[in-house]
Protein backbone atom coordinates (compact mmCIF):
# COMPACT_ATOMS: atom_id res chain seq x y z
CA UNK A 1 -46.47 -83.21 63.62
CA UNK A 2 -43.99 -80.95 61.84
CA UNK A 3 -45.77 -81.40 58.50
CA UNK A 4 -49.14 -80.65 60.02
CA UNK A 5 -47.77 -77.46 61.67
CA UNK A 6 -46.25 -76.38 58.37
CA UNK A 7 -49.52 -77.08 56.53
CA UNK A 8 -51.51 -75.21 59.16
CA UNK A 9 -49.18 -72.22 58.95
CA UNK A 10 -49.28 -72.27 55.16
CA UNK A 11 -53.09 -72.36 55.21
CA UNK A 12 -53.15 -69.53 57.76
CA UNK A 13 -50.86 -67.29 55.66
CA UNK A 14 -52.83 -68.10 52.49
CA UNK A 15 -56.08 -67.11 54.21
CA UNK A 16 -54.50 -63.97 55.63
CA UNK A 17 -53.13 -62.91 52.22
CA UNK A 18 -56.50 -63.57 50.56
CA UNK A 19 -58.32 -61.61 53.27
CA UNK A 20 -55.97 -58.66 52.90
CA UNK A 21 -56.54 -58.60 49.14
CA UNK A 22 -60.32 -58.65 49.61
CA UNK A 23 -60.03 -55.55 51.76
CA UNK A 24 -57.68 -53.75 49.36
CA UNK A 25 -57.50 -50.07 50.03
CA UNK A 26 -57.37 -47.18 47.67
CA UNK A 27 -53.98 -45.54 47.25
CA UNK A 28 -53.15 -42.00 46.16
CA UNK A 29 -51.27 -41.92 42.86
CA UNK A 30 -50.79 -38.13 42.87
CA UNK A 31 -52.18 -34.84 44.14
CA UNK A 32 -53.41 -32.14 41.75
CA UNK A 33 -53.41 -28.43 42.70
CA UNK A 34 -53.60 -25.04 41.02
CA UNK A 35 -52.58 -21.49 41.81
CA UNK A 36 -56.19 -20.28 41.47
CA UNK A 37 -57.46 -21.53 44.84
CA UNK A 38 -56.68 -23.91 47.69
CA UNK A 39 -58.89 -26.70 46.32
CA UNK A 40 -57.13 -29.88 45.36
CA UNK A 41 -57.75 -33.18 43.66
CA UNK A 42 -56.28 -36.61 44.12
CA UNK A 43 -55.84 -39.33 41.54
CA UNK A 44 -56.64 -42.51 43.45
CA UNK A 45 -56.32 -46.14 42.39
CA UNK A 46 -57.36 -49.55 43.65
CA UNK A 47 -55.69 -52.73 42.45
CA UNK A 48 -57.51 -55.94 41.52
CA UNK A 49 -57.51 -58.96 43.83
CA UNK A 50 -54.28 -60.31 42.31
CA UNK A 51 -52.46 -56.95 42.54
CA UNK A 52 -51.74 -57.19 38.81
CA UNK A 53 -54.02 -54.56 37.30
CA UNK A 54 -55.71 -51.32 38.23
CA UNK A 55 -59.27 -52.21 39.18
CA UNK A 56 -60.44 -48.62 39.64
CA UNK A 57 -58.88 -45.22 38.89
CA UNK A 58 -60.59 -42.10 40.27
CA UNK A 59 -60.20 -38.34 40.31
CA UNK A 60 -61.43 -37.00 43.67
CA UNK A 61 -62.04 -33.25 44.09
CA UNK A 62 -61.69 -31.64 47.55
CA UNK A 63 -62.67 -28.27 49.04
CA UNK A 64 -61.60 -27.44 52.60
CA UNK A 65 -60.66 -31.07 53.15
CA UNK A 66 -64.08 -32.42 52.16
CA UNK A 67 -64.51 -34.55 49.06
CA UNK A 68 -66.93 -32.86 46.67
CA UNK A 69 -66.83 -35.10 43.65
CA UNK A 70 -65.45 -38.36 42.31
CA UNK A 71 -64.94 -39.16 38.62
CA UNK A 72 -64.07 -42.74 37.71
CA UNK A 73 -61.49 -42.80 34.95
CA UNK A 74 -62.31 -45.86 32.83
CA UNK A 75 -59.46 -47.21 30.70
CA UNK A 76 -61.74 -47.75 27.70
CA UNK A 77 -62.94 -44.12 27.85
CA UNK A 78 -59.40 -42.72 27.80
CA UNK A 79 -59.22 -43.20 24.02
CA UNK A 80 -62.03 -40.69 23.46
CA UNK A 81 -60.90 -38.53 26.38
CA UNK A 82 -62.30 -37.69 29.78
CA UNK A 83 -63.14 -34.09 30.67
CA UNK A 84 -61.60 -33.27 34.04
CA UNK A 85 -62.42 -29.56 34.14
CA UNK A 86 -64.94 -27.51 32.19
CA UNK A 87 -65.82 -23.84 32.64
CA UNK A 88 -68.90 -22.57 30.81
CA UNK A 89 -68.54 -23.82 27.22
CA UNK A 90 -64.77 -24.33 27.49
CA UNK A 91 -63.10 -27.68 28.13
CA UNK A 92 -60.19 -26.57 30.31
CA UNK A 93 -58.53 -29.94 31.02
CA UNK A 94 -59.09 -33.22 29.23
CA UNK A 95 -57.18 -36.44 29.80
CA UNK A 96 -56.70 -39.06 27.06
CA UNK A 97 -54.52 -41.99 26.03
CA UNK A 98 -54.06 -44.05 22.89
CA UNK A 99 -52.46 -47.05 24.59
CA UNK A 100 -53.54 -47.26 28.23
CA UNK A 101 -53.80 -50.77 29.67
CA UNK A 102 -54.88 -51.58 33.23
CA UNK A 103 -52.05 -54.11 33.70
CA UNK A 104 -49.15 -52.28 32.06
CA UNK A 105 -50.14 -48.58 32.10
CA UNK A 106 -49.35 -46.33 29.14
CA UNK A 107 -48.85 -42.75 28.04
CA UNK A 108 -51.45 -40.32 29.39
CA UNK A 109 -51.95 -36.87 27.88
CA UNK A 110 -53.31 -33.77 29.57
CA UNK A 111 -54.90 -31.53 26.94
CA UNK A 112 -55.26 -28.01 28.40
CA UNK A 113 -56.85 -24.79 27.22
CA UNK A 114 -53.97 -22.33 27.00
CA UNK A 115 -56.10 -19.33 26.01
CA UNK A 116 -59.88 -19.03 25.81
CA UNK A 117 -59.34 -15.88 23.71
CA UNK A 118 -57.51 -17.62 20.87
CA UNK A 119 -58.68 -21.19 21.48
CA UNK A 120 -55.05 -22.34 21.67
CA UNK A 121 -54.47 -25.62 23.50
CA UNK A 122 -51.36 -27.29 24.91
CA UNK A 123 -50.68 -30.93 25.62
CA UNK A 124 -48.53 -32.52 28.32
CA UNK A 125 -47.63 -36.20 28.46
CA UNK A 126 -46.81 -38.46 31.37
CA UNK A 127 -46.30 -42.19 31.74
CA UNK A 128 -48.19 -44.53 34.03
CA UNK A 129 -46.18 -47.71 34.53
CA UNK A 130 -46.45 -50.64 36.90
CA UNK A 131 -43.84 -52.06 39.23
CA UNK A 132 -44.00 -54.55 42.10
CA UNK A 133 -45.47 -51.94 44.47
CA UNK A 134 -48.19 -50.78 42.05
CA UNK A 135 -48.69 -47.95 39.56
CA UNK A 136 -46.11 -45.19 39.21
CA UNK A 137 -46.70 -41.88 37.47
CA UNK A 138 -43.65 -40.46 35.67
CA UNK A 139 -42.66 -37.42 33.65
CA UNK A 140 -39.35 -37.54 31.77
CA UNK A 141 -38.51 -40.83 33.55
CA UNK A 142 -38.82 -39.19 37.00
CA UNK A 143 -41.48 -40.27 39.47
CA UNK A 144 -44.06 -37.64 40.23
CA UNK A 145 -46.53 -37.26 43.08
CA UNK A 146 -47.84 -33.75 42.36
CA UNK A 147 -49.31 -31.95 39.37
CA UNK A 148 -49.78 -28.17 39.69
CA UNK A 149 -51.74 -26.13 37.14
CA UNK A 150 -50.60 -22.51 36.72
CA UNK A 151 -53.32 -20.20 35.41
CA UNK A 152 -52.90 -17.93 32.39
CA UNK A 153 -54.27 -14.52 33.29
CA UNK A 154 -55.37 -11.46 31.39
CA UNK A 155 -55.18 -8.06 33.13
CA UNK A 156 -58.71 -7.29 31.98
CA UNK A 157 -60.49 -10.67 31.98
CA UNK A 158 -58.71 -12.58 34.77
CA UNK A 159 -58.07 -16.30 34.24
CA UNK A 160 -58.25 -17.25 30.55
CA UNK A 161 -56.56 -20.65 30.53
CA UNK A 162 -53.69 -22.81 31.76
CA UNK A 163 -50.27 -21.15 31.40
CA UNK A 164 -48.37 -24.33 32.24
CA UNK A 165 -48.45 -27.59 34.16
CA UNK A 166 -45.71 -28.26 36.70
CA UNK A 167 -44.94 -31.91 37.52
CA UNK A 168 -43.08 -32.69 40.74
CA UNK A 169 -42.53 -34.78 43.82
């Protein structure tokens, strides 16, 4: 009787674990804001059924709490770069990576337009790594949950680029 109870419990927990993995939920990796407006974006991920690799990675854009847009960030497209923000003919923010892997992460670069007047660009790097709880985004070996873009402004023209990117918790 003891063995049968143990087997039944083991089967029950196996089924429960499998069921929970089937209904895996998306998790927020970090929130993205700027000093231009109150809109925000969230980088969201979903793990595969084994919780070993990122199954999906998205950038969701919100306005007044409502999701406006979702961009899926495909690992194989990170080598060529994914445009996250474009204004007129200018690519304002592009994300790329030379070594991103869905199971182990990698270095991710944010390529930003510093000045539309001169065409100068700046690049910021961060690390996406995996631990037992899932993906972790880091800058200078410190976990980060927020990325804030600070606009570069001209007195005459207004916003002309990204002054800097602030990474924080």
